[in-house]
Amino acid sequence: MQRIFILCASAIAMTFLAGCSGNSSGGFQGYIEGEFVYIASPLAGTLTNLAVARGNSVTNGQLLFELERGAETSALDAAKKNLQQAKAALELSEATLKRREELRANNGVISPEELDQAKMKRDSDTAQVESLQAALDKAKWSFDQKQQFAPTNAFVQDTLYRQGEFVAAGNPIVVLLPPANIKVRFFVTETILPQIKIGQTVSVNFDGATKNYSATVNFISTQNEFTPPVLYNRENRAKLIYMIEAGFSPADAAQLRPGQPVDVKLEK
């Protein structure tokens, strides 16, 4: 089970309020934001293998961790054995039914009751196979859930348990930050808001950067953000700011870190 938590930075945003009232260079203050992916197992167990460490980069499908699954292994083996036996019984009852149908068609060698009994036996065995197949699927699901894999290429932001510790069901063990979940948030005044459109490109820079990073606007807030209540008169409307979000290419996102303060400029 995966849960996505957004890094909240309202305190940082308050520090941007003065700078977001607009400046002569057309730039805006903002920060890098990350939406983390918390990887957990829906089942409880002891952590037997933590396959990644904080700071690692992982690829889609890479093993992240394993929980102890002795009980699930036993249940899976038993379910396979039971299904195998039920399938053998079904094959026998189908063969018996076929033979009795032939005998019944051959001048009524057997009675209708005997044929009906063979059909009932076949139907019962069919239902048993279907039931045991469902039990096997459930056992396999439980077995598989004790291992979790990376859902996409990502950076390992943190690991929350050590090998040998018991993990309750649903508790996150590994925290991932996929490049696609890194974005820039910046704030503009009410007068600037009409100039910004979804799909528009902005330029992002920060202290020490060797280049400007391009980002594409994908969210424009419809409500003023992170400001104390104000009266909506002409004088105070200038104090309202609106949050804008823009995403990066995967290559650029890999070079950015959540919480990093940046300067943003609109590209024309």
C-alpha atoms as a PDB file:
ATOM      1  CA  MET A   1       0.000   0.000   0.000  1.00  0.00           C
ATOM      2  CA  GLN A   2       1.134   3.103  -1.016  1.00  0.00           C
ATOM      3  CA  ARG A   3       0.383   6.522   0.665  1.00  0.00           C
ATOM      4  CA  ILE A   4       1.409   9.885  -0.815  1.00  0.00           C
ATOM      5  CA  PHE A   5       2.210  12.725   1.697  1.00  0.00           C
ATOM      6  CA  ILE A   6       2.926  16.292   0.534  1.00  0.00           C
ATOM      7  CA  LEU A   7       5.760  18.157   2.246  1.00  0.00           C
ATOM      8  CA  CYS A   8       3.998  21.134   3.817  1.00  0.00           C
ATOM      9  CA  ALA A   9       5.936  24.364   3.960  1.00  0.00           C
ATOM     10  CA  SER A  10       3.501  27.066   4.983  1.00  0.00           C
ATOM     11  CA  ALA A  11       6.079  28.608   7.308  1.00  0.00           C
ATOM     12  CA  ILE A  12       8.491  28.999   4.386  1.00  0.00           C
ATOM     13  CA  ALA A  13       5.747  30.490   2.278  1.00  0.00           C
ATOM     14  CA  MET A  14       5.097  33.189   4.851  1.00  0.00           C
ATOM     15  CA  THR A  15       8.677  34.371   4.429  1.00  0.00           C
ATOM     16  CA  PHE A  16       8.007  34.778   0.709  1.00  0.00           C
ATOM     17  CA  LEU A  17       5.082  37.117   1.198  1.00  0.00           C
ATOM     18  CA  ALA A  18       7.150  40.286   1.137  1.00  0.00           C
ATOM     19  CA  GLY A  19       9.079  39.173  -1.953  1.00  0.00           C
ATOM     20  CA  CYS A  20       5.972  38.020  -3.786  1.00  0.00           C
ATOM     21  CA  SER A  21       4.445  41.441  -3.979  1.00  0.00           C
ATOM     22  CA  GLY A  22       6.247  41.741  -7.293  1.00  0.00           C
ATOM     23  CA  ASN A  23       9.700  42.962  -8.176  1.00  0.00           C
ATOM     24  CA  SER A  24      11.196  44.972 -10.977  1.00  0.00           C
ATOM     25  CA  SER A  25      13.050  42.035 -12.489  1.00  0.00           C
ATOM     26  CA  GLY A  26       9.842  40.062 -12.953  1.00  0.00           C
ATOM     27  CA  GLY A  27      11.015  37.283 -10.643  1.00  0.00           C
ATOM     28  CA  PHE A  28       9.221  35.509  -7.820  1.00  0.00           C
ATOM     29  CA  GLN A  29      10.380  33.657  -4.758  1.00  0.00           C
ATOM     30  CA  GLY A  30       9.538  29.994  -4.330  1.00  0.00           C
ATOM     31  CA  TYR A  31      10.816  26.651  -3.104  1.00  0.00           C
ATOM     32  CA  ILE A  32      11.216  23.097  -4.301  1.00  0.00           C
ATOM     33  CA  GLU A  33       8.476  20.759  -3.121  1.00  0.00           C
ATOM     34  CA  GLY A  34       8.486  16.944  -3.039  1.00  0.00           C
ATOM     35  CA  GLU A  35       5.573  14.498  -2.854  1.00  0.00           C
ATOM     36  CA  PHE A  36       6.949  11.439  -1.080  1.00  0.00           C
ATOM     37  CA  VAL A  37       5.774   7.870  -1.673  1.00  0.00           C
ATOM     38  CA  TYR A  38       5.556   5.777   1.494  1.00  0.00           C
ATOM     39  CA  ILE A  39       5.963   2.056   0.767  1.00  0.00           C
ATOM     40  CA  ALA A  40       4.344  -0.367   3.227  1.00  0.00           C
ATOM     41  CA  SER A  41       3.074  -3.933   3.379  1.00  0.00           C
ATOM     42  CA  PRO A  42      -0.618  -4.479   4.186  1.00  0.00           C
ATOM     43  CA  LEU A  43       0.482  -7.392   6.390  1.00  0.00           C
ATOM     44  CA  ALA A  44       2.500  -7.350   9.602  1.00  0.00           C
ATOM     45  CA  GLY A  45       5.813  -9.138  10.097  1.00  0.00           C
ATOM     46  CA  THR A  46       9.457  -8.966  11.073  1.00  0.00           C
ATOM     47  CA  LEU A  47      11.692  -7.113   8.632  1.00  0.00           C
ATOM     48  CA  THR A  48      14.121  -9.760   7.382  1.00  0.00           C
ATOM     49  CA  ASN A  49      15.664  -7.929   4.433  1.00  0.00           C
ATOM     50  CA  LEU A  50      15.984  -4.178   3.939  1.00  0.00           C
ATOM     51  CA  ALA A  51      17.335  -4.147   0.394  1.00  0.00           C
ATOM     52  CA  VAL A  52      17.913  -0.383   0.065  1.00  0.00           C
ATOM     53  CA  ALA A  53      19.484   2.394   2.106  1.00  0.00           C
ATOM     54  CA  ARG A  54      18.776   6.081   2.475  1.00  0.00           C
ATOM     55  CA  GLY A  55      20.321   7.977  -0.425  1.00  0.00           C
ATOM     56  CA  ASN A  56      20.104   5.087  -2.899  1.00  0.00           C
ATOM     57  CA  SER A  57      18.556   5.434  -6.326  1.00  0.00           C
ATOM     58  CA  VAL A  58      16.183   2.610  -7.258  1.00  0.00           C
ATOM     59  CA  THR A  59      14.647   1.523 -10.545  1.00  0.00           C
ATOM     60  CA  ASN A  60      11.111   0.432 -11.307  1.00  0.00           C
ATOM     61  CA  GLY A  61      10.543  -3.106  -9.987  1.00  0.00           C
ATOM     62  CA  GLN A  62      13.614  -3.190  -7.731  1.00  0.00           C
ATOM     63  CA  LEU A  63      13.204  -5.021  -4.413  1.00  0.00           C
ATOM     64  CA  LEU A  64      12.861  -2.655  -1.456  1.00  0.00           C
ATOM     65  CA  PHE A  65      12.279  -4.957   1.498  1.00  0.00           C
ATOM     66  CA  GLU A  66      11.040  -8.357   2.658  1.00  0.00           C
ATOM     67  CA  LEU A  67       9.104  -9.369   5.753  1.00  0.00           C
ATOM     68  CA  GLU A  68       9.221 -12.800   7.414  1.00  0.00           C
ATOM     69  CA  ARG A  69       6.735 -15.035   5.614  1.00  0.00           C
ATOM     70  CA  GLY A  70       7.052 -18.542   7.006  1.00  0.00           C
ATOM     71  CA  ALA A  71       3.317 -18.803   7.715  1.00  0.00           C
ATOM     72  CA  GLU A  72       2.473 -17.505   4.248  1.00  0.00           C
ATOM     73  CA  THR A  73       4.841 -20.028   2.652  1.00  0.00           C
ATOM     74  CA  SER A  74       3.172 -22.921   4.517  1.00  0.00           C
ATOM     75  CA  ALA A  75      -0.301 -21.674   3.597  1.00  0.00           C
ATOM     76  CA  LEU A  76       0.695 -21.328  -0.052  1.00  0.00           C
ATOM     77  CA  ASP A  77       2.164 -24.846  -0.197  1.00  0.00           C
ATOM     78  CA  ALA A  78      -0.975 -26.298   1.417  1.00  0.00           C
ATOM     79  CA  ALA A  79      -3.242 -24.409  -0.997  1.00  0.00           C
ATOM     80  CA  LYS A  80      -1.286 -25.716  -3.997  1.00  0.00           C
ATOM     81  CA  LYS A  81      -1.498 -29.294  -2.720  1.00  0.00           C
ATOM     82  CA  ASN A  82      -5.242 -29.069  -2.027  1.00  0.00           C
ATOM     83  CA  LEU A  83      -5.915 -27.621  -5.472  1.00  0.00           C
ATOM     84  CA  GLN A  84      -3.859 -30.327  -7.144  1.00  0.00           C
ATOM     85  CA  GLN A  85      -5.878 -33.035  -5.385  1.00  0.00           C
ATOM     86  CA  ALA A  86      -9.167 -31.347  -6.257  1.00  0.00           C
ATOM     87  CA  LYS A  87      -8.189 -31.111  -9.930  1.00  0.00           C
ATOM     88  CA  ALA A  88      -7.364 -34.826  -9.956  1.00  0.00           C
ATOM     89  CA  ALA A  89     -10.779 -35.593  -8.458  1.00  0.00           C
ATOM     90  CA  LEU A  90     -12.447 -33.385 -11.085  1.00  0.00           C
ATOM     91  CA  GLU A  91     -10.648 -35.168 -13.912  1.00  0.00           C
ATOM     92  CA  LEU A  92     -11.915 -38.493 -12.545  1.00  0.00           C
ATOM     93  CA  SER A  93     -15.509 -37.288 -12.188  1.00  0.00           C
ATOM     94  CA  GLU A  94     -15.463 -35.814 -15.708  1.00  0.00           C
ATOM     95  CA  ALA A  95     -14.189 -39.101 -17.113  1.00  0.00           C
ATOM     96  CA  THR A  96     -16.860 -41.004 -15.165  1.00  0.00           C
ATOM     97  CA  LEU A  97     -19.594 -38.702 -16.450  1.00  0.00           C
ATOM     98  CA  LYS A  98     -18.422 -39.059 -20.022  1.00  0.00           C
ATOM     99  CA  ARG A  99     -18.435 -42.843 -19.727  1.00  0.00           C
ATOM    100  CA  ARG A 100     -21.940 -42.916 -18.233  1.00  0.00           C
ATOM    101  CA  GLU A 101     -23.252 -40.599 -20.933  1.00  0.00           C
ATOM    102  CA  GLU A 102     -21.938 -43.072 -23.491  1.00  0.00           C
ATOM    103  CA  LEU A 103     -23.554 -45.989 -21.675  1.00  0.00           C
ATOM    104  CA  ARG A 104     -26.845 -44.141 -21.378  1.00  0.00           C
ATOM    105  CA  ALA A 105     -26.823 -43.341 -25.085  1.00  0.00           C
ATOM    106  CA  ASN A 106     -26.050 -47.016 -25.858  1.00  0.00           C
ATOM    107  CA  ASN A 107     -29.539 -48.453 -25.467  1.00  0.00           C
ATOM    108  CA  GLY A 108     -29.910 -47.182 -21.906  1.00  0.00           C
ATOM    109  CA  VAL A 109     -27.381 -49.446 -20.239  1.00  0.00           C
ATOM    110  CA  ILE A 110     -27.516 -47.233 -17.098  1.00  0.00           C
ATOM    111  CA  SER A 111     -30.485 -45.520 -15.473  1.00  0.00           C
ATOM    112  CA  PRO A 112     -31.178 -41.777 -15.620  1.00  0.00           C
ATOM    113  CA  GLU A 113     -30.538 -41.625 -11.870  1.00  0.00           C
ATOM    114  CA  GLU A 114     -26.995 -42.937 -12.305  1.00  0.00           C
ATOM    115  CA  LEU A 115     -26.327 -40.356 -14.993  1.00  0.00           C
ATOM    116  CA  ASP A 116     -27.697 -37.582 -12.755  1.00  0.00           C
ATOM    117  CA  GLN A 117     -25.458 -38.723  -9.904  1.00  0.00           C
ATOM    118  CA  ALA A 118     -22.415 -38.539 -12.179  1.00  0.00           C
ATOM    119  CA  LYS A 119     -23.366 -35.001 -13.224  1.00  0.00           C
ATOM    120  CA  MET A 120     -23.851 -33.927  -9.614  1.00  0.00           C
ATOM    121  CA  LYS A 121     -20.440 -35.353  -8.706  1.00  0.00           C
ATOM    122  CA  ARG A 122     -18.808 -33.514 -11.607  1.00  0.00           C
ATOM    123  CA  ASP A 123     -20.524 -30.235 -10.639  1.00  0.00           C
ATOM    124  CA  SER A 124     -19.496 -30.646  -7.002  1.00  0.00           C
ATOM    125  CA  ASP A 125     -15.880 -31.272  -7.953  1.00  0.00           C
ATOM    126  CA  THR A 126     -15.921 -28.262 -10.284  1.00  0.00           C
ATOM    127  CA  ALA A 127     -17.159 -26.031  -7.467  1.00  0.00           C
ATOM    128  CA  GLN A 128     -14.465 -27.438  -5.177  1.00  0.00           C
ATOM    129  CA  VAL A 129     -11.727 -26.627  -7.700  1.00  0.00           C
ATOM    130  CA  GLU A 130     -13.039 -23.070  -8.076  1.00  0.00           C
ATOM    131  CA  SER A 131     -13.124 -22.611  -4.298  1.00  0.00           C
ATOM    132  CA  LEU A 132      -9.605 -23.951  -3.820  1.00  0.00           C
ATOM    133  CA  GLN A 133      -8.322 -21.834  -6.715  1.00  0.00           C
ATOM    134  CA  ALA A 134      -9.652 -18.761  -4.899  1.00  0.00           C
ATOM    135  CA  ALA A 135      -7.943 -19.957  -1.706  1.00  0.00           C
ATOM    136  CA  LEU A 136      -4.686 -20.371  -3.622  1.00  0.00           C
ATOM    137  CA  ASP A 137      -4.979 -16.879  -5.105  1.00  0.00           C
ATOM    138  CA  LYS A 138      -5.503 -15.445  -1.626  1.00  0.00           C
ATOM    139  CA  ALA A 139      -2.542 -17.371  -0.211  1.00  0.00           C
ATOM    140  CA  LYS A 140      -0.329 -16.212  -3.092  1.00  0.00           C
ATOM    141  CA  TRP A 141      -1.430 -12.602  -2.562  1.00  0.00           C
ATOM    142  CA  SER A 142      -0.484 -12.787   1.119  1.00  0.00           C
ATOM    143  CA  PHE A 143       2.856 -14.373   0.210  1.00  0.00           C
ATOM    144  CA  ASP A 144       3.593 -11.680  -2.380  1.00  0.00           C
ATOM    145  CA  GLN A 145       2.669  -8.802  -0.063  1.00  0.00           C
ATOM    146  CA  LYS A 146       5.553  -9.647   2.264  1.00  0.00           C
ATOM    147  CA  GLN A 147       7.853  -8.317  -0.477  1.00  0.00           C
ATOM    148  CA  GLN A 148       7.544  -4.792  -1.839  1.00  0.00           C
ATOM    149  CA  PHE A 149       9.156  -3.379  -4.971  1.00  0.00           C
ATOM    150  CA  ALA A 150       9.768   0.130  -6.263  1.00  0.00           C
ATOM    151  CA  PRO A 151       6.724   1.312  -8.255  1.00  0.00           C
ATOM    152  CA  THR A 152       8.910   3.631 -10.351  1.00  0.00           C
ATOM    153  CA  ASN A 153      12.424   5.024 -10.619  1.00  0.00           C
ATOM    154  CA  ALA A 154      13.035   7.027  -7.462  1.00  0.00           C
ATOM    155  CA  PHE A 155      15.424   8.365  -4.840  1.00  0.00           C
ATOM    156  CA  VAL A 156      15.317   6.666  -1.423  1.00  0.00           C
ATOM    157  CA  GLN A 157      14.563   9.565   0.883  1.00  0.00           C
ATOM    158  CA  ASP A 158      14.519   7.509   4.083  1.00  0.00           C
ATOM    159  CA  THR A 159      14.105   4.057   5.654  1.00  0.00           C
ATOM    160  CA  LEU A 160      11.951   3.933   8.775  1.00  0.00           C
ATOM    161  CA  TYR A 161      12.792   0.480  10.217  1.00  0.00           C
ATOM    162  CA  ARG A 162      15.912  -1.596  10.757  1.00  0.00           C
ATOM    163  CA  GLN A 163      16.318  -5.238   9.818  1.00  0.00           C
ATOM    164  CA  GLY A 164      15.004  -7.487  12.606  1.00  0.00           C
ATOM    165  CA  GLU A 165      12.350  -5.049  13.815  1.00  0.00           C
ATOM    166  CA  PHE A 166       8.659  -5.967  13.826  1.00  0.00           C
ATOM    167  CA  VAL A 167       6.523  -3.870  11.497  1.00  0.00           C
ATOM    168  CA  ALA A 168       2.790  -3.474  12.017  1.00  0.00           C
ATOM    169  CA  ALA A 169       0.476  -3.867   9.041  1.00  0.00           C
ATOM    170  CA  GLY A 170       0.357  -0.764   6.877  1.00  0.00           C
ATOM    171  CA  ASN A 171       3.325   0.976   8.502  1.00  0.00           C
ATOM    172  CA  PRO A 172       5.649   2.568   5.897  1.00  0.00           C
ATOM    173  CA  ILE A 173       9.144   1.110   5.753  1.00  0.00           C
ATOM    174  CA  VAL A 174      10.738   2.936   2.807  1.00  0.00           C
ATOM    175  CA  VAL A 175      10.134   6.537   1.703  1.00  0.00           C
ATOM    176  CA  LEU A 176      10.683   7.243  -1.994  1.00  0.00           C
ATOM    177  CA  LEU A 177      10.893  10.482  -3.944  1.00  0.00           C
ATOM    178  CA  PRO A 178      10.276   9.915  -7.674  1.00  0.00           C
ATOM    179  CA  PRO A 179      11.637  12.648  -9.978  1.00  0.00           C
ATOM    180  CA  ALA A 180       8.115  13.207 -11.327  1.00  0.00           C
ATOM    181  CA  ASN A 181       7.024  14.201  -7.806  1.00  0.00           C
ATOM    182  CA  ILE A 182       9.483  17.110  -7.556  1.00  0.00           C
ATOM    183  CA  LYS A 183       8.093  20.514  -8.440  1.00  0.00           C
ATOM    184  CA  VAL A 184       8.545  24.196  -7.749  1.00  0.00           C
ATOM    185  CA  ARG A 185       6.046  26.244  -5.806  1.00  0.00           C
ATOM    186  CA  PHE A 186       6.065  30.003  -6.116  1.00  0.00           C
ATOM    187  CA  PHE A 187       3.689  32.793  -5.254  1.00  0.00           C
ATOM    188  CA  VAL A 188       2.376  35.696  -7.267  1.00  0.00           C
ATOM    189  CA  THR A 189       0.189  38.678  -6.540  1.00  0.00           C
ATOM    190  CA  GLU A 190      -3.326  39.156  -7.808  1.00  0.00           C
ATOM    191  CA  THR A 191      -2.128  41.546 -10.507  1.00  0.00           C
ATOM    192  CA  ILE A 192       0.353  38.995 -11.908  1.00  0.00           C
ATOM    193  CA  LEU A 193      -2.032  36.025 -11.769  1.00  0.00           C
ATOM    194  CA  PRO A 194      -3.728  36.662 -15.187  1.00  0.00           C
ATOM    195  CA  GLN A 195      -0.315  36.462 -16.887  1.00  0.00           C
ATOM    196  CA  ILE A 196       0.219  32.818 -15.880  1.00  0.00           C
ATOM    197  CA  LYS A 197      -1.375  29.914 -17.772  1.00  0.00           C
ATOM    198  CA  ILE A 198      -1.316  26.133 -17.441  1.00  0.00           C
ATOM    199  CA  GLY A 199       1.439  24.758 -19.681  1.00  0.00           C
ATOM    200  CA  GLN A 200       3.473  27.948 -19.492  1.00  0.00           C
ATOM    201  CA  THR A 201       7.238  27.577 -19.014  1.00  0.00           C
ATOM    202  CA  VAL A 202       9.049  29.234 -16.131  1.00  0.00           C
ATOM    203  CA  SER A 203      12.766  29.541 -15.421  1.00  0.00           C
ATOM    204  CA  VAL A 204      14.046  28.420 -12.006  1.00  0.00           C
ATOM    205  CA  ASN A 205      17.379  29.374 -10.464  1.00  0.00           C
ATOM    206  CA  PHE A 206      19.007  29.203  -7.035  1.00  0.00           C
ATOM    207  CA  ASP A 207      22.249  30.149  -5.352  1.00  0.00           C
ATOM    208  CA  GLY A 208      25.118  28.113  -6.756  1.00  0.00           C
ATOM    209  CA  ALA A 209      23.155  26.760  -9.721  1.00  0.00           C
ATOM    210  CA  THR A 210      25.188  26.217 -12.874  1.00  0.00           C
ATOM    211  CA  LYS A 211      22.193  26.747 -15.144  1.00  0.00           C
ATOM    212  CA  ASN A 212      18.563  27.781 -15.237  1.00  0.00           C
ATOM    213  CA  TYR A 213      16.024  24.974 -14.867  1.00  0.00           C
ATOM    214  CA  SER A 214      12.869  24.979 -16.958  1.00  0.00           C
ATOM    215  CA  ALA A 215       9.579  23.964 -15.384  1.00  0.00           C
ATOM    216  CA  THR A 216       6.058  23.719 -16.775  1.00  0.00           C
ATOM    217  CA  VAL A 217       3.136  25.224 -14.877  1.00  0.00           C
ATOM    218  CA  ASN A 218       0.624  22.484 -14.034  1.00  0.00           C
ATOM    219  CA  PHE A 219      -1.381  24.028 -11.187  1.00  0.00           C
ATOM    220  CA  ILE A 220      -2.707  27.503 -10.439  1.00  0.00           C
ATOM    221  CA  SER A 221      -4.454  28.007  -7.120  1.00  0.00           C
ATOM    222  CA  THR A 222      -7.961  29.434  -7.294  1.00  0.00           C
ATOM    223  CA  GLN A 223      -7.695  30.793  -3.751  1.00  0.00           C
ATOM    224  CA  ASN A 224      -5.250  33.108  -2.042  1.00  0.00           C
ATOM    225  CA  GLU A 225      -2.646  31.137  -0.100  1.00  0.00           C
ATOM    226  CA  PHE A 226      -0.852  31.450   3.214  1.00  0.00           C
ATOM    227  CA  THR A 227      -2.002  34.964   4.031  1.00  0.00           C
ATOM    228  CA  PRO A 228      -3.811  36.315   7.096  1.00  0.00           C
ATOM    229  CA  PRO A 229      -7.412  37.446   6.567  1.00  0.00           C
ATOM    230  CA  VAL A 230      -7.675  40.831   4.859  1.00  0.00           C
ATOM    231  CA  LEU A 231     -10.520  43.087   3.867  1.00  0.00           C
ATOM    232  CA  TYR A 232     -11.304  42.818   0.186  1.00  0.00           C
ATOM    233  CA  ASN A 233     -11.042  46.483  -0.637  1.00  0.00           C
ATOM    234  CA  ARG A 234      -8.960  47.921  -3.452  1.00  0.00           C
ATOM    235  CA  GLU A 235      -6.067  48.792  -1.142  1.00  0.00           C
ATOM    236  CA  ASN A 236      -5.753  45.384   0.520  1.00  0.00           C
ATOM    237  CA  ARG A 237      -6.250  43.227  -2.567  1.00  0.00           C
ATOM    238  CA  ALA A 238      -2.598  43.807  -3.431  1.00  0.00           C
ATOM    239  CA  LYS A 239      -1.632  41.826  -0.336  1.00  0.00           C
ATOM    240  CA  LEU A 240      -3.169  38.594  -1.643  1.00  0.00           C
ATOM    241  CA  ILE A 241      -0.844  35.993  -3.140  1.00  0.00           C
ATOM    242  CA  TYR A 242      -1.642  32.842  -5.119  1.00  0.00           C
ATOM    243  CA  MET A 243       0.307  29.613  -5.248  1.00  0.00           C
ATOM    244  CA  ILE A 244       1.584  28.278  -8.573  1.00  0.00           C
ATOM    245  CA  GLU A 245       3.132  24.840  -9.129  1.00  0.00           C
ATOM    246  CA  ALA A 246       5.342  23.734 -12.036  1.00  0.00           C
ATOM    247  CA  GLY A 247       6.991  20.399 -12.826  1.00  0.00           C
ATOM    248  CA  PHE A 248      10.482  19.581 -14.093  1.00  0.00           C
ATOM    249  CA  SER A 249      11.924  17.059 -16.528  1.00  0.00           C
ATOM    250  CA  PRO A 250      13.190  13.876 -14.764  1.00  0.00           C
ATOM    251  CA  ALA A 251      16.825  14.841 -15.473  1.00  0.00           C
ATOM    252  CA  ASP A 252      16.440  18.291 -13.925  1.00  0.00           C
ATOM    253  CA  ALA A 253      14.329  17.031 -11.018  1.00  0.00           C
ATOM    254  CA  ALA A 254      17.120  14.659  -9.958  1.00  0.00           C
ATOM    255  CA  GLN A 255      19.339  17.693  -9.247  1.00  0.00           C
ATOM    256  CA  LEU A 256      16.839  19.456  -6.974  1.00  0.00           C
ATOM    257  CA  ARG A 257      15.955  18.939  -3.318  1.00  0.00           C
ATOM    258  CA  PRO A 258      12.696  19.628  -1.436  1.00  0.00           C
ATOM    259  CA  GLY A 259      12.798  22.774   0.678  1.00  0.00           C
ATOM    260  CA  GLN A 260      15.406  24.421  -1.545  1.00  0.00           C
ATOM    261  CA  PRO A 261      14.612  28.167  -1.952  1.00  0.00           C
ATOM    262  CA  VAL A 262      14.587  29.310  -5.580  1.00  0.00           C
ATOM    263  CA  ASP A 263      13.910  32.305  -7.796  1.00  0.00           C
ATOM    264  CA  VAL A 264      11.356  31.914 -10.558  1.00  0.00           C
ATOM    265  CA  LYS A 265      10.907  33.991 -13.704  1.00  0.00           C
ATOM    266  CA  LEU A 266       8.215  33.792 -16.337  1.00  0.00           C
ATOM    267  CA  GLU A 267       9.480  32.916 -19.805  1.00  0.00           C
ATOM    268  CA  LYS A 268       7.988  34.720 -22.781  1.00  0.00           C
END
